[in-house]
Amino acid sequence: MQNEALVQLVVHALEDLKGTDILSIDVRGKTSVTDFMVIASGTSSRHVKALADNVLEKVKEQGVRPLGSEGLDGGEWALLDLGDVVVHVMQVPTRQFYDLERLWQGAEQSRAQHAADQE
């Protein structure tokens, strides 16, 4: 699966369960860790876990094998390593504290369409 298609699959999986403020960041050429990061917010620990679980389910259905995951039990911040795409799902206060968007402000960032519709 192409990286851009995987990003779209992840975004749709997050939107399916009402993830908020979904942002994809193209970090190609800025880090060797991954090509894209997708960041989304959940409203509670259960919501964060449900969002992460839905992403895992949808990518596995498409034959993508995740390399790893962290934080699924805690629910404050879940990280999914899909290789060329890394997904961060966080509760709003955690996301505000770590401010990953600012860390990658030099990279191309795009908000999910439904987020733009709400503004």
C-alpha atoms as a PDB file:
ATOM      1  CA  MET A   1       0.000   0.000   0.000  1.00  0.00           C
ATOM      2  CA  GLN A   2       1.324   3.429  -0.962  1.00  0.00           C
ATOM      3  CA  ASN A   3       2.102   5.830   1.885  1.00  0.00           C
ATOM      4  CA  GLU A   4      -0.489   8.428   0.847  1.00  0.00           C
ATOM      5  CA  ALA A   5      -3.189   5.728   0.595  1.00  0.00           C
ATOM      6  CA  LEU A   6      -2.238   4.457   4.052  1.00  0.00           C
ATOM      7  CA  VAL A   7      -2.509   7.988   5.463  1.00  0.00           C
ATOM      8  CA  GLN A   8      -6.002   8.296   3.958  1.00  0.00           C
ATOM      9  CA  LEU A   9      -7.009   4.906   5.368  1.00  0.00           C
ATOM     10  CA  VAL A  10      -5.821   5.986   8.828  1.00  0.00           C
ATOM     11  CA  VAL A  11      -7.638   9.340   8.588  1.00  0.00           C
ATOM     12  CA  HIS A  12     -10.880   7.624   7.549  1.00  0.00           C
ATOM     13  CA  ALA A  13     -10.572   5.103  10.406  1.00  0.00           C
ATOM     14  CA  LEU A  14     -10.160   7.997  12.846  1.00  0.00           C
ATOM     15  CA  GLU A  15     -13.078   9.909  11.333  1.00  0.00           C
ATOM     16  CA  ASP A  16     -15.284   6.799  11.534  1.00  0.00           C
ATOM     17  CA  LEU A  17     -15.150   6.970  15.335  1.00  0.00           C
ATOM     18  CA  LYS A  18     -15.304  10.766  15.586  1.00  0.00           C
ATOM     19  CA  GLY A  19     -11.620  11.473  16.186  1.00  0.00           C
ATOM     20  CA  THR A  20     -11.084  15.231  16.327  1.00  0.00           C
ATOM     21  CA  ASP A  21      -8.505  17.686  14.996  1.00  0.00           C
ATOM     22  CA  ILE A  22      -6.959  15.092  12.667  1.00  0.00           C
ATOM     23  CA  LEU A  23      -3.694  16.296  11.164  1.00  0.00           C
ATOM     24  CA  SER A  24      -1.318  14.566   8.758  1.00  0.00           C
ATOM     25  CA  ILE A  25       2.281  15.744   8.572  1.00  0.00           C
ATOM     26  CA  ASP A  26       4.664  14.905   5.719  1.00  0.00           C
ATOM     27  CA  VAL A  27       8.064  14.454   7.384  1.00  0.00           C
ATOM     28  CA  ARG A  28       9.891  12.927   4.405  1.00  0.00           C
ATOM     29  CA  GLY A  29      13.388  14.341   4.309  1.00  0.00           C
ATOM     30  CA  LYS A  30      13.098  15.670   7.866  1.00  0.00           C
ATOM     31  CA  THR A  31      13.532  12.384   9.754  1.00  0.00           C
ATOM     32  CA  SER A  32      14.585   8.848   8.940  1.00  0.00           C
ATOM     33  CA  VAL A  33      12.040   7.397  11.371  1.00  0.00           C
ATOM     34  CA  THR A  34       8.954   7.672   9.143  1.00  0.00           C
ATOM     35  CA  ASP A  35       7.506   9.484   6.134  1.00  0.00           C
ATOM     36  CA  PHE A  36       4.179  10.637   7.591  1.00  0.00           C
ATOM     37  CA  MET A  37       2.716  11.303  11.009  1.00  0.00           C
ATOM     38  CA  VAL A  38      -0.988  11.415  11.699  1.00  0.00           C
ATOM     39  CA  ILE A  39      -2.112  13.105  14.920  1.00  0.00           C
ATOM     40  CA  ALA A  40      -5.658  12.986  16.273  1.00  0.00           C
ATOM     41  CA  SER A  41      -7.451  13.753  19.515  1.00  0.00           C
ATOM     42  CA  GLY A  42      -9.857  11.623  21.504  1.00  0.00           C
ATOM     43  CA  THR A  43     -12.207  12.844  24.211  1.00  0.00           C
ATOM     44  CA  SER A  44     -11.407  10.230  26.874  1.00  0.00           C
ATOM     45  CA  SER A  45      -9.135   7.269  27.548  1.00  0.00           C
ATOM     46  CA  ARG A  46     -11.796   4.916  26.168  1.00  0.00           C
ATOM     47  CA  HIS A  47     -12.150   7.058  23.048  1.00  0.00           C
ATOM     48  CA  VAL A  48      -8.382   7.146  22.468  1.00  0.00           C
ATOM     49  CA  LYS A  49      -8.224   3.357  22.773  1.00  0.00           C
ATOM     50  CA  ALA A  50     -11.229   2.863  20.483  1.00  0.00           C
ATOM     51  CA  LEU A  51      -9.712   5.169  17.854  1.00  0.00           C
ATOM     52  CA  ALA A  52      -6.364   3.356  17.951  1.00  0.00           C
ATOM     53  CA  ASP A  53      -8.036  -0.060  17.860  1.00  0.00           C
ATOM     54  CA  ASN A  54     -10.128   0.992  14.845  1.00  0.00           C
ATOM     55  CA  VAL A  55      -7.026   2.149  12.976  1.00  0.00           C
ATOM     56  CA  LEU A  56      -5.308  -1.166  13.721  1.00  0.00           C
ATOM     57  CA  GLU A  57      -8.346  -3.129  12.558  1.00  0.00           C
ATOM     58  CA  LYS A  58      -8.716  -1.168   9.302  1.00  0.00           C
ATOM     59  CA  VAL A  59      -5.036  -1.346   8.328  1.00  0.00           C
ATOM     60  CA  LYS A  60      -4.870  -5.071   9.087  1.00  0.00           C
ATOM     61  CA  GLU A  61      -7.922  -5.592   6.830  1.00  0.00           C
ATOM     62  CA  GLN A  62      -5.842  -4.049   4.035  1.00  0.00           C
ATOM     63  CA  GLY A  63      -2.872  -6.323   4.712  1.00  0.00           C
ATOM     64  CA  VAL A  64      -0.731  -3.793   6.574  1.00  0.00           C
ATOM     65  CA  ARG A  65       1.165  -5.317   9.474  1.00  0.00           C
ATOM     66  CA  PRO A  66       1.812  -2.776  12.247  1.00  0.00           C
ATOM     67  CA  LEU A  67       5.394  -2.749  13.502  1.00  0.00           C
ATOM     68  CA  GLY A  68       4.314  -1.886  17.036  1.00  0.00           C
ATOM     69  CA  SER A  69       2.003   0.018  19.321  1.00  0.00           C
ATOM     70  CA  GLU A  70       2.322   1.757  22.668  1.00  0.00           C
ATOM     71  CA  GLY A  71      -0.091   3.224  25.195  1.00  0.00           C
ATOM     72  CA  LEU A  72      -3.213   1.297  24.227  1.00  0.00           C
ATOM     73  CA  ASP A  73      -3.880   0.327  27.840  1.00  0.00           C
ATOM     74  CA  GLY A  74      -3.350   3.793  29.332  1.00  0.00           C
ATOM     75  CA  GLY A  75      -5.531   5.741  26.955  1.00  0.00           C
ATOM     76  CA  GLU A  76      -3.810   9.093  27.388  1.00  0.00           C
ATOM     77  CA  TRP A  77      -1.591   8.710  24.314  1.00  0.00           C
ATOM     78  CA  ALA A  78      -1.581   5.798  21.890  1.00  0.00           C
ATOM     79  CA  LEU A  79       1.173   5.439  19.307  1.00  0.00           C
ATOM     80  CA  LEU A  80       0.851   3.118  16.318  1.00  0.00           C
ATOM     81  CA  ASP A  81       3.919   2.390  14.196  1.00  0.00           C
ATOM     82  CA  LEU A  82       2.795   1.423  10.711  1.00  0.00           C
ATOM     83  CA  GLY A  83       6.285   1.794   9.255  1.00  0.00           C
ATOM     84  CA  ASP A  84       6.122   4.739   6.878  1.00  0.00           C
ATOM     85  CA  VAL A  85       3.172   6.169   8.825  1.00  0.00           C
ATOM     86  CA  VAL A  86       3.202   6.776  12.585  1.00  0.00           C
ATOM     87  CA  VAL A  87      -0.121   7.520  14.256  1.00  0.00           C
ATOM     88  CA  HIS A  88      -0.490   9.475  17.514  1.00  0.00           C
ATOM     89  CA  VAL A  89      -3.905   9.498  19.211  1.00  0.00           C
ATOM     90  CA  MET A  90      -4.040  11.632  22.346  1.00  0.00           C
ATOM     91  CA  GLN A  91      -6.425  13.206  24.772  1.00  0.00           C
ATOM     92  CA  VAL A  92      -6.580  16.975  24.229  1.00  0.00           C
ATOM     93  CA  PRO A  93      -4.564  18.041  27.332  1.00  0.00           C
ATOM     94  CA  THR A  94      -1.774  15.602  26.431  1.00  0.00           C
ATOM     95  CA  ARG A  95      -1.735  16.823  22.848  1.00  0.00           C
ATOM     96  CA  GLN A  96      -1.571  20.438  23.963  1.00  0.00           C
ATOM     97  CA  PHE A  97       1.265  19.675  26.386  1.00  0.00           C
ATOM     98  CA  TYR A  98       3.494  17.853  23.878  1.00  0.00           C
ATOM     99  CA  ASP A  99       2.504  20.072  20.912  1.00  0.00           C
ATOM    100  CA  LEU A 100       3.867  17.772  18.198  1.00  0.00           C
ATOM    101  CA  GLU A 101       2.515  20.113  15.537  1.00  0.00           C
ATOM    102  CA  ARG A 102       4.940  22.803  16.665  1.00  0.00           C
ATOM    103  CA  LEU A 103       7.851  20.363  16.621  1.00  0.00           C
ATOM    104  CA  TRP A 104       7.127  19.634  12.963  1.00  0.00           C
ATOM    105  CA  GLN A 105       6.021  23.132  11.919  1.00  0.00           C
ATOM    106  CA  GLY A 106       8.524  23.187   9.045  1.00  0.00           C
ATOM    107  CA  ALA A 107       6.888  20.119   7.491  1.00  0.00           C
ATOM    108  CA  GLU A 108       3.845  20.126   5.234  1.00  0.00           C
ATOM    109  CA  GLN A 109       0.747  19.715   7.395  1.00  0.00           C
ATOM    110  CA  SER A 110      -2.830  19.117   6.329  1.00  0.00           C
ATOM    111  CA  ARG A 111      -5.996  18.911   8.393  1.00  0.00           C
ATOM    112  CA  ALA A 112      -8.580  16.251   7.675  1.00  0.00           C
ATOM    113  CA  GLN A 113     -11.491  17.582   5.646  1.00  0.00           C
ATOM    114  CA  HIS A 114     -14.071  17.194   8.400  1.00  0.00           C
ATOM    115  CA  ALA A 115     -11.909  19.285  10.727  1.00  0.00           C
ATOM    116  CA  ALA A 116     -11.847  22.096   8.180  1.00  0.00           C
ATOM    117  CA  ASP A 117     -15.644  21.906   7.860  1.00  0.00           C
ATOM    118  CA  GLN A 118     -16.046  22.543  11.598  1.00  0.00           C
ATOM    119  CA  GLU A 119     -14.032  25.782  11.566  1.00  0.00           C
END
